[in-house]
Amino acid sequence: MQDVQNDIDALIREEKRLSAIECHDEAWTAGLLAGIEPDIIAETAISTALSELQREMGEDAAAALLDRMRDKLLGGEFCPDTRRH
């Protein structure tokens, strides 16, 4: 029974992740169409995310996110050829 609940939780989390990607893609496109440079959009998105995460979950959670994202970046996860939604 616990495995079923874990599967359901994983599906819900994945659906939320995909929805978040869609929202961010729309915001990114809107920024580009408004003439905002990609580096400004990216820095603002990261700053907002870290501020909100720190406010909601604390500084350690924000630092842990930075560590995970750095590892993913250095591991090539964000290369255009490996980008996946």
N, C-alpha and C. Protein backbone atom coordinates (compact mmCIF):
# COMPACT_ATOMS: atom_id res chain seq x y z
N MET A 1 0.82 -1.19 0.00
CA MET A 1 0.00 0.00 0.00
C MET A 1 0.87 1.27 0.00
N GLN A 2 1.96 1.23 0.75
CA GLN A 2 2.88 2.37 0.81
C GLN A 2 3.50 2.65 -0.56
N ASP A 3 3.79 1.57 -1.32
CA ASP A 3 4.37 1.75 -2.65
C ASP A 3 3.39 2.48 -3.57
N VAL A 4 2.11 2.16 -3.45
CA VAL A 4 1.09 2.82 -4.27
C VAL A 4 1.04 4.30 -3.93
N GLN A 5 1.08 4.61 -2.64
CA GLN A 5 1.06 6.02 -2.22
C GLN A 5 2.30 6.75 -2.70
N ASN A 6 3.45 6.09 -2.64
CA ASN A 6 4.70 6.69 -3.14
C ASN A 6 4.62 6.96 -4.64
N ASP A 7 4.03 6.01 -5.38
CA ASP A 7 3.86 6.19 -6.82
C ASP A 7 2.94 7.37 -7.11
N ILE A 8 1.85 7.47 -6.37
CA ILE A 8 0.91 8.58 -6.55
C ILE A 8 1.60 9.90 -6.24
N ASP A 9 2.33 9.94 -5.13
CA ASP A 9 3.06 11.16 -4.75
C ASP A 9 4.07 11.56 -5.82
N ALA A 10 4.76 10.57 -6.39
CA ALA A 10 5.74 10.85 -7.44
C ALA A 10 5.05 11.40 -8.69
N LEU A 11 3.90 10.84 -9.05
CA LEU A 11 3.16 11.33 -10.21
C LEU A 11 2.66 12.76 -9.99
N ILE A 12 2.18 13.04 -8.80
CA ILE A 12 1.71 14.39 -8.47
C ILE A 12 2.87 15.38 -8.55
N ARG A 13 4.01 15.00 -7.98
CA ARG A 13 5.18 15.87 -8.00
C ARG A 13 5.65 16.13 -9.44
N GLU A 14 5.63 15.10 -10.27
CA GLU A 14 6.04 15.26 -11.67
C GLU A 14 5.08 16.18 -12.42
N GLU A 15 3.78 16.03 -12.16
CA GLU A 15 2.79 16.90 -12.80
C GLU A 15 3.01 18.36 -12.38
N LYS A 16 3.31 18.58 -11.12
CA LYS A 16 3.60 19.93 -10.64
C LYS A 16 4.86 20.47 -11.29
N ARG A 17 5.88 19.63 -11.45
CA ARG A 17 7.12 20.06 -12.08
C ARG A 17 6.88 20.48 -13.53
N LEU A 18 6.10 19.68 -14.25
CA LEU A 18 5.79 19.99 -15.65
C LEU A 18 4.97 21.28 -15.76
N SER A 19 4.05 21.47 -14.84
CA SER A 19 3.26 22.70 -14.82
C SER A 19 4.16 23.91 -14.55
N ALA A 20 5.10 23.76 -13.62
CA ALA A 20 6.03 24.85 -13.32
C ALA A 20 6.90 25.18 -14.53
N ILE A 21 7.35 24.16 -15.24
CA ILE A 21 8.14 24.39 -16.45
C ILE A 21 7.34 25.19 -17.46
N GLU A 22 6.09 24.83 -17.64
CA GLU A 22 5.24 25.54 -18.59
C GLU A 22 5.09 27.02 -18.19
N CYS A 23 4.87 27.27 -16.91
CA CYS A 23 4.74 28.65 -16.43
C CYS A 23 6.03 29.43 -16.66
N HIS A 24 7.16 28.81 -16.36
CA HIS A 24 8.44 29.49 -16.54
C HIS A 24 8.76 29.72 -18.01
N ASP A 25 8.42 28.75 -18.85
CA ASP A 25 8.65 28.92 -20.29
C ASP A 25 7.84 30.11 -20.82
N GLU A 26 6.59 30.24 -20.36
CA GLU A 26 5.76 31.36 -20.79
C GLU A 26 6.34 32.69 -20.32
N ALA A 27 6.80 32.73 -19.07
CA ALA A 27 7.39 33.96 -18.54
C ALA A 27 8.68 34.30 -19.28
N TRP A 28 9.48 33.30 -19.57
CA TRP A 28 10.73 33.52 -20.30
C TRP A 28 10.44 34.12 -21.67
N THR A 29 9.49 33.53 -22.38
CA THR A 29 9.12 34.02 -23.70
C THR A 29 8.59 35.44 -23.64
N ALA A 30 7.76 35.72 -22.64
CA ALA A 30 7.22 37.07 -22.48
C ALA A 30 8.34 38.07 -22.24
N GLY A 31 9.33 37.70 -21.45
CA GLY A 31 10.47 38.58 -21.20
C GLY A 31 11.26 38.84 -22.46
N LEU A 32 11.52 37.80 -23.22
CA LEU A 32 12.26 37.97 -24.48
C LEU A 32 11.49 38.87 -25.44
N LEU A 33 10.18 38.65 -25.53
CA LEU A 33 9.36 39.48 -26.42
C LEU A 33 9.33 40.94 -25.98
N ALA A 34 9.54 41.17 -24.68
CA ALA A 34 9.59 42.53 -24.15
C ALA A 34 10.96 43.16 -24.33
N GLY A 35 11.89 42.41 -24.90
CA GLY A 35 13.22 42.94 -25.17
C GLY A 35 14.21 42.77 -24.03
N ILE A 36 13.88 41.92 -23.06
CA ILE A 36 14.77 41.71 -21.92
C ILE A 36 15.79 40.63 -22.30
N GLU A 37 17.05 40.90 -22.02
CA GLU A 37 18.12 39.97 -22.35
C GLU A 37 18.00 38.69 -21.50
N PRO A 38 18.38 37.55 -22.10
CA PRO A 38 18.28 36.27 -21.38
C PRO A 38 19.03 36.25 -20.04
N ASP A 39 20.19 36.89 -19.95
CA ASP A 39 20.93 36.86 -18.69
C ASP A 39 20.20 37.62 -17.59
N ILE A 40 19.48 38.67 -17.95
CA ILE A 40 18.71 39.42 -16.96
C ILE A 40 17.51 38.58 -16.50
N ILE A 41 16.83 37.94 -17.43
CA ILE A 41 15.70 37.08 -17.07
C ILE A 41 16.18 35.95 -16.15
N ALA A 42 17.30 35.33 -16.51
CA ALA A 42 17.82 34.21 -15.73
C ALA A 42 18.22 34.65 -14.32
N GLU A 43 18.94 35.73 -14.21
CA GLU A 43 19.38 36.18 -12.89
C GLU A 43 18.19 36.54 -12.01
N THR A 44 17.22 37.19 -12.61
CA THR A 44 16.02 37.55 -11.85
C THR A 44 15.26 36.31 -11.39
N ALA A 45 15.13 35.33 -12.27
CA ALA A 45 14.43 34.09 -11.91
C ALA A 45 15.14 33.37 -10.77
N ILE A 46 16.45 33.28 -10.86
CA ILE A 46 17.22 32.60 -9.81
C ILE A 46 17.13 33.37 -8.50
N SER A 47 17.26 34.69 -8.57
CA SER A 47 17.17 35.51 -7.35
C SER A 47 15.80 35.38 -6.69
N THR A 48 14.76 35.42 -7.48
CA THR A 48 13.41 35.28 -6.95
C THR A 48 13.23 33.91 -6.32
N ALA A 49 13.67 32.88 -7.01
CA ALA A 49 13.53 31.52 -6.49
C ALA A 49 14.26 31.34 -5.16
N LEU A 50 15.48 31.82 -5.09
CA LEU A 50 16.26 31.68 -3.86
C LEU A 50 15.65 32.49 -2.72
N SER A 51 15.19 33.68 -3.01
CA SER A 51 14.55 34.51 -1.97
C SER A 51 13.31 33.84 -1.42
N GLU A 52 12.48 33.32 -2.31
CA GLU A 52 11.25 32.66 -1.87
C GLU A 52 11.54 31.38 -1.11
N LEU A 53 12.49 30.60 -1.59
CA LEU A 53 12.84 29.36 -0.91
C LEU A 53 13.42 29.65 0.47
N GLN A 54 14.27 30.65 0.57
CA GLN A 54 14.84 31.02 1.86
C GLN A 54 13.75 31.48 2.82
N ARG A 55 12.81 32.27 2.31
CA ARG A 55 11.72 32.76 3.15
C ARG A 55 10.84 31.61 3.65
N GLU A 56 10.56 30.66 2.77
CA GLU A 56 9.67 29.54 3.10
C GLU A 56 10.34 28.43 3.90
N MET A 57 11.61 28.13 3.56
CA MET A 57 12.24 26.94 4.12
C MET A 57 13.58 27.20 4.82
N GLY A 58 14.10 28.41 4.71
CA GLY A 58 15.33 28.75 5.39
C GLY A 58 16.55 28.78 4.49
N GLU A 59 17.60 29.34 5.06
CA GLU A 59 18.85 29.54 4.32
C GLU A 59 19.49 28.22 3.90
N ASP A 60 19.44 27.21 4.75
CA ASP A 60 20.05 25.92 4.40
C ASP A 60 19.39 25.30 3.18
N ALA A 61 18.08 25.42 3.06
CA ALA A 61 17.37 24.88 1.90
C ALA A 61 17.79 25.61 0.63
N ALA A 62 17.93 26.93 0.71
CA ALA A 62 18.36 27.71 -0.45
C ALA A 62 19.78 27.34 -0.85
N ALA A 63 20.66 27.18 0.12
CA ALA A 63 22.04 26.79 -0.16
C ALA A 63 22.10 25.39 -0.76
N ALA A 64 21.26 24.49 -0.26
CA ALA A 64 21.23 23.12 -0.79
C ALA A 64 20.76 23.12 -2.24
N LEU A 65 19.79 23.97 -2.56
CA LEU A 65 19.34 24.08 -3.94
C LEU A 65 20.48 24.56 -4.84
N LEU A 66 21.20 25.57 -4.39
CA LEU A 66 22.35 26.06 -5.18
C LEU A 66 23.37 24.94 -5.42
N ASP A 67 23.64 24.15 -4.39
CA ASP A 67 24.59 23.05 -4.54
C ASP A 67 24.10 22.03 -5.56
N ARG A 68 22.79 21.68 -5.48
CA ARG A 68 22.24 20.70 -6.42
C ARG A 68 22.28 21.24 -7.85
N MET A 69 21.94 22.51 -8.01
CA MET A 69 21.93 23.09 -9.35
C MET A 69 23.34 23.20 -9.93
N ARG A 70 24.31 23.53 -9.08
CA ARG A 70 25.70 23.60 -9.54
C ARG A 70 26.17 22.23 -10.01
N ASP A 71 25.83 21.19 -9.25
CA ASP A 71 26.20 19.83 -9.64
C ASP A 71 25.57 19.45 -10.97
N LYS A 72 24.31 19.83 -11.16
CA LYS A 72 23.62 19.53 -12.42
C LYS A 72 24.27 20.30 -13.58
N LEU A 73 24.61 21.55 -13.35
CA LEU A 73 25.26 22.36 -14.38
C LEU A 73 26.59 21.74 -14.80
N LEU A 74 27.42 21.42 -13.80
CA LEU A 74 28.72 20.84 -14.10
C LEU A 74 28.61 19.44 -14.70
N GLY A 75 27.51 18.76 -14.42
CA GLY A 75 27.27 17.44 -14.98
C GLY A 75 26.69 17.47 -16.39
N GLY A 76 26.45 18.67 -16.92
CA GLY A 76 25.98 18.80 -18.29
C GLY A 76 24.47 18.67 -18.45
N GLU A 77 23.74 18.67 -17.35
CA GLU A 77 22.30 18.46 -17.44
C GLU A 77 21.57 19.59 -18.16
N PHE A 78 22.15 20.77 -18.22
CA PHE A 78 21.48 21.90 -18.84
C PHE A 78 21.94 22.16 -20.27
N CYS A 79 22.78 21.29 -20.80
CA CYS A 79 23.20 21.43 -22.20
C CYS A 79 21.98 21.29 -23.10
N PRO A 80 21.89 22.11 -24.15
CA PRO A 80 20.71 22.06 -25.02
C PRO A 80 20.41 20.65 -25.56
N ASP A 81 21.43 19.87 -25.81
CA ASP A 81 21.23 18.53 -26.35
C ASP A 81 20.62 17.56 -25.34
N THR A 82 20.76 17.88 -24.04
CA THR A 82 20.25 16.97 -23.02
C THR A 82 19.05 17.53 -22.27
N ARG A 83 18.59 18.73 -22.68
CA ARG A 83 17.45 19.36 -22.00
C ARG A 83 16.23 18.49 -22.19
N ARG A 84 15.55 18.27 -21.08
CA ARG A 84 14.34 17.45 -21.15
C ARG A 84 13.28 18.05 -20.25
N HIS A 85 12.05 17.87 -20.67
CA HIS A 85 10.93 18.38 -19.86
C HIS A 85 10.14 17.24 -19.36
